[in-house]
Protein backbone atom coordinates (compact mmCIF):
# COMPACT_ATOMS: atom_id res chain seq x y z
CA MET A 1 -5.09 -24.95 -2.71
CA THR A 2 -8.04 -25.94 -0.03
CA LYS A 3 -11.47 -24.06 0.26
CA PHE A 4 -9.59 -22.93 3.76
CA MET A 5 -7.38 -21.74 2.32
CA GLN A 6 -8.17 -19.59 -0.55
CA GLU A 7 -10.55 -18.20 1.80
CA SER A 8 -7.99 -17.01 4.42
CA LEU A 9 -4.77 -15.98 1.91
CA VAL A 10 -3.50 -12.80 1.80
CA SER A 11 -1.40 -11.82 -1.35
CA VAL A 12 1.40 -9.43 -0.45
CA ILE A 13 2.63 -7.23 -3.03
CA ILE A 14 5.73 -5.77 -2.81
CA PRO A 15 6.54 -3.28 -5.37
CA VAL A 16 10.55 -2.67 -5.81
CA TYR A 17 12.79 -0.38 -7.88
CA ASN A 18 16.64 -0.58 -7.09
CA GLY A 19 16.09 -1.70 -4.06
CA ALA A 20 18.50 -4.05 -3.72
CA THR A 21 19.88 -2.84 0.13
CA PHE A 22 16.72 -3.16 2.02
CA LEU A 23 14.86 -5.88 0.16
CA HIS A 24 15.71 -8.62 1.78
CA GLN A 25 14.45 -7.06 4.96
CA ALA A 26 11.35 -6.77 3.82
CA ILE A 27 10.38 -9.95 2.57
CA GLU A 28 12.29 -11.18 5.91
CA SER A 29 9.32 -9.43 7.49
CA VAL A 30 6.70 -10.98 5.79
CA LEU A 31 8.21 -14.35 5.85
CA THR A 32 8.42 -14.17 9.94
CA GLN A 33 4.40 -13.23 10.24
CA SER A 34 2.77 -15.39 12.57
CA TYR A 35 0.01 -15.29 10.52
CA ARG A 36 -0.52 -18.18 7.30
CA PRO A 37 -1.13 -18.85 4.43
CA LEU A 38 -0.19 -15.81 2.32
CA GLU A 39 1.55 -15.40 -0.62
CA ILE A 40 4.60 -12.98 -1.65
CA ILE A 41 4.88 -11.06 -4.90
CA VAL A 42 7.51 -9.20 -5.44
CA VAL A 43 7.03 -6.74 -9.01
CA ASP A 44 10.00 -5.30 -9.75
CA ASP A 45 9.86 -1.94 -11.28
CA GLY A 46 12.94 -1.31 -13.91
CA SER A 47 15.49 -2.35 -11.39
CA VAL A 48 19.05 -1.98 -12.67
CA ASP A 49 20.56 -3.35 -9.55
CA ASP A 50 20.20 -6.55 -7.34
CA SER A 51 16.75 -6.21 -6.71
CA ALA A 52 16.03 -9.17 -9.06
CA ARG A 53 19.64 -11.48 -7.55
CA VAL A 54 17.52 -10.67 -3.46
CA ALA A 55 14.31 -11.27 -4.53
CA GLN A 56 15.00 -14.91 -6.29
CA GLN A 57 16.79 -15.73 -3.10
CA TYR A 58 12.95 -16.39 -1.39
CA PRO A 59 9.66 -18.58 -1.90
CA VAL A 60 8.45 -15.45 -3.59
CA ARG A 61 6.56 -15.09 -6.98
CA TYR A 62 8.98 -12.06 -9.32
CA CYS A 63 8.12 -10.56 -11.50
CA PHE A 64 9.78 -6.95 -13.97
CA GLN A 65 8.12 -4.57 -15.89
CA SER A 66 9.70 -1.55 -17.27
CA HIS A 67 9.84 1.35 -14.78
CA ASN A 68 6.37 3.24 -14.66
CA GLY A 69 6.39 3.99 -11.00
CA PRO A 70 4.57 2.32 -7.81
CA GLY A 71 1.15 2.68 -8.52
CA ALA A 72 1.87 0.35 -11.08
CA ALA A 73 4.10 -2.30 -10.10
CA ARG A 74 1.32 -2.68 -7.43
CA ASN A 75 -0.96 -3.10 -9.89
CA CYS A 76 0.62 -5.44 -11.72
CA GLY A 77 0.41 -7.63 -8.21
CA ILE A 78 -2.80 -6.88 -8.12
CA GLU A 79 -3.76 -8.91 -11.18
CA GLN A 80 -1.57 -11.73 -10.19
CA ALA A 81 -2.87 -11.87 -6.83
CA HIS A 82 -5.03 -15.08 -6.21
CA GLY A 83 -5.79 -13.62 -2.19
CA LYS A 84 -9.32 -12.97 -0.80
CA TYR A 85 -7.38 -10.06 1.34
CA LEU A 86 -4.44 -7.51 -0.53
CA ALA A 87 -1.61 -6.15 1.56
CA PHE A 88 1.35 -3.83 0.61
CA LEU A 89 4.65 -3.41 1.34
CA ASP A 90 7.59 -1.14 0.16
CA ALA A 91 10.94 -2.38 -0.50
CA ASP A 92 12.28 -0.37 2.17
CA ASP A 93 9.84 -0.87 5.06
CA LEU A 94 8.67 -3.20 7.69
CA TRP A 95 6.10 -5.55 9.32
CA THR A 96 5.53 -6.38 12.89
CA ARG A 97 5.04 -10.10 13.32
CA GLU A 98 1.50 -9.78 14.45
CA LYS A 99 0.60 -7.46 11.73
CA LEU A 100 -1.78 -9.73 9.35
CA ALA A 101 -2.55 -11.60 12.41
CA ARG A 102 -4.18 -8.90 14.27
CA GLN A 103 -5.81 -7.46 10.66
CA ILE A 104 -7.17 -10.62 9.92
CA ALA A 105 -8.62 -11.01 13.29
CA THR A 106 -10.46 -7.53 13.22
CA LEU A 107 -12.13 -7.82 9.98
CA THR A 108 -13.16 -11.75 10.77
CA ALA A 109 -14.65 -10.03 13.88
CA ARG A 110 -16.13 -6.92 12.03
CA PRO A 111 -17.66 -8.64 8.74
CA GLU A 112 -19.24 -4.35 8.15
CA LEU A 113 -15.08 -3.45 7.86
CA ASP A 114 -13.53 -3.19 4.53
CA ALA A 115 -10.26 -2.34 5.40
CA VAL A 116 -8.12 -2.45 8.82
CA PHE A 117 -5.11 -0.13 8.97
CA GLY A 118 -2.72 0.30 12.18
CA GLN A 119 0.14 2.74 13.53
CA VAL A 120 3.35 3.48 11.62
CA GLU A 121 6.42 4.00 13.53
CA GLN A 122 8.82 5.80 11.44
CA PHE A 123 12.95 5.20 11.77
CA MET A 124 16.20 6.06 10.65
CA THR A 125 19.13 4.48 9.22
CA PRO A 126 22.63 5.90 8.89
CA ASP A 127 21.99 7.69 5.44
CA THR A 128 19.00 9.64 6.70
CA ALA A 129 18.97 12.94 5.45
CA ALA A 130 19.51 15.65 7.71
CA PRO A 131 16.20 17.73 6.74
CA SER A 132 14.59 13.95 7.21
CA ALA A 133 15.99 13.09 10.09
CA ILE A 134 12.71 14.84 12.09
CA PHE A 135 10.55 12.54 10.90
CA ALA A 136 12.22 9.82 12.32
CA GLY A 137 11.39 7.75 16.17
CA THR A 138 7.75 9.39 15.57
CA THR A 139 4.42 7.26 15.33
CA LEU A 140 1.85 8.03 13.14
CA ASN A 141 -1.68 6.83 12.90
CA GLY A 142 -0.95 4.90 10.10
CA ILE A 143 -3.20 5.79 6.31
CA HIS A 144 0.03 4.31 4.60
CA VAL A 145 -0.44 1.87 2.18
CA GLY A 146 1.76 -0.21 4.02
CA ALA A 147 -0.27 -0.51 7.10
CA MET A 148 -3.67 -1.40 5.32
CA LEU A 149 -5.24 -4.59 5.18
CA ILE A 150 -8.23 -4.45 2.78
CA ARG A 151 -10.31 -7.35 1.27
CA HIS A 152 -9.58 -8.19 -2.33
CA ALA A 153 -13.53 -7.28 -3.53
CA ALA A 154 -13.90 -4.30 -1.26
CA PHE A 155 -10.42 -3.27 -3.43
CA LYS A 156 -12.34 -3.53 -6.93
CA ARG A 157 -14.73 -1.31 -5.90
CA VAL A 158 -12.85 1.35 -5.50
CA GLY A 159 -10.38 0.67 -8.50
CA MET A 160 -6.56 0.17 -9.14
CA PHE A 161 -3.75 2.86 -8.21
CA GLY A 162 -2.90 5.87 -10.07
CA THR A 163 -0.50 4.89 -12.54
CA HIS A 164 1.33 8.54 -13.24
CA CYS A 165 1.60 10.37 -9.76
CA HIS A 166 4.19 10.00 -6.17
CA VAL A 167 0.67 10.23 -4.72
CA ASP A 168 -0.91 6.98 -5.55
CA PHE A 169 -2.66 5.67 -3.17
CA ILE A 170 -3.56 9.45 -1.10
CA ASP A 171 -5.26 9.25 -4.76
CA TRP A 172 -7.32 5.93 -4.02
CA TYR A 173 -7.43 6.49 -1.01
CA LEU A 174 -9.65 9.34 -1.43
CA ARG A 175 -11.41 7.67 -4.11
CA ALA A 176 -11.90 5.00 -1.38
CA GLN A 177 -13.94 7.08 1.34
CA GLU A 178 -16.15 8.35 -2.17
CA ALA A 179 -16.85 4.54 -2.75
CA LYS A 180 -17.47 4.59 1.56
CA LEU A 181 -15.83 2.12 2.13
CA GLU A 182 -15.36 1.31 5.73
CA PHE A 183 -11.89 1.39 7.87
CA THR A 184 -10.56 1.17 10.74
CA SER A 185 -7.76 1.14 12.46
CA LEU A 186 -5.61 -0.69 15.40
CA PRO A 187 -4.15 0.82 18.22
CA GLU A 188 -0.21 -0.78 17.92
CA VAL A 189 1.95 -0.33 15.53
CA VAL A 190 1.61 -2.63 12.45
CA MET A 191 4.60 -0.96 10.39
CA ARG A 192 7.72 0.84 10.89
CA ARG A 193 8.60 3.12 7.84
CA ARG A 194 12.40 3.31 7.33
CA VAL A 195 13.14 7.23 6.64
CA HIS A 196 16.36 7.61 4.41
CA ALA A 197 17.82 9.49 2.26
CA ASN A 198 16.52 8.28 -1.24
CA ASN A 199 12.70 8.08 0.17
CA LEU A 200 10.38 8.87 -2.42
CA THR A 201 9.04 11.79 -0.70
CA ILE A 202 12.25 12.83 0.09
CA ARG A 203 13.86 13.20 -3.30
CA SER A 204 10.97 14.34 -4.63
CA ARG A 205 9.32 16.71 -2.35
CA GLU A 206 8.31 19.85 -4.56
CA ILE A 207 6.72 17.31 -6.78
CA VAL A 208 5.20 15.22 -4.39
CA ARG A 209 3.48 18.37 -2.83
CA ALA A 210 2.40 19.54 -5.97
CA GLU A 211 0.81 16.07 -6.92
CA TYR A 212 -0.72 16.04 -3.71
CA LEU A 213 -2.67 19.18 -4.58
CA LEU A 214 -3.70 18.35 -7.66
CA ALA A 215 -4.82 14.47 -5.87
CA ILE A 216 -6.56 16.77 -3.50
CA LYS A 217 -8.59 19.08 -6.57
CA SER A 218 -9.76 16.22 -8.02
CA ALA A 219 -11.39 14.75 -5.13
CA LEU A 220 -13.17 18.25 -4.35
CA ASP A 221 -13.84 18.53 -8.03
CA ARG A 222 -15.82 14.29 -8.25
CA ARG A 223 -17.97 15.13 -5.35
CA LYS A 224 -18.64 18.35 -6.48
CA LEU A 225 -19.83 17.15 -9.95
CA LEU A 226 -21.89 14.06 -7.62
CA VAL A 227 -23.15 16.72 -5.60
CA ARG A 228 -24.48 18.56 -8.91
CA ASP A 229 -25.94 15.24 -10.45
CA GLU A 230 -28.00 14.39 -7.33
CA SER A 231 -29.50 17.58 -7.62
CA THR A 232 -30.34 17.23 -10.69
CA PRO A 233 -34.34 16.55 -11.41
CA THR A 234 -34.58 13.16 -13.27
CA GLY A 235 -34.91 13.90 -17.41
CA SER A 236 -33.42 17.67 -17.07
CA ILE A 237 -30.90 18.17 -19.76
CA LEU A 238 -27.72 19.14 -18.81
């Protein structure tokens, strides 16, 4: 790999768990990016469907782990990533063609930034559950893991994703704020989030809500501890 490629490589990590139905579309939305160079790492989180067969039809690095959740799968991919930049895409979502190109241009022009997001457009599939259909067709200011491009070194300042919760990215983002990472968000859509009956946040809505509240509480506790420590005179016994 040339020095230029090393300095500009984007490592794209796609966790998948029984996602064979949509995985090929996710991978193709990465392969058709206008930006190069990139590497794609598909981490199979213990699937028992055809996810492995689908992934291995493409020029990706495929690895398998026992089922431990999306945070653990992303961490597995990060450990294998060679890129200067990290990007993440869930197996049922899609990127717009210029996603990486626009975000790389932003980080290149603004070296003080650690990461860049973009807008997220939600769309429905025919199996979308009625209670979740209200979310389809909306565009959100995408503080979403799939809408992010981050410098690898900046990610390391925060640490890995949590591995035992449904809200691993929310927990990570709160820690990133505490680490004072600098973010911006593009005005255009960079990701399309698929709303369907098997979305994790739909299937486990009450669990997700409880874990979200727990993540917020943990962040508040850390900040209270930080304020207490900063106000404690040097040499005091706690």
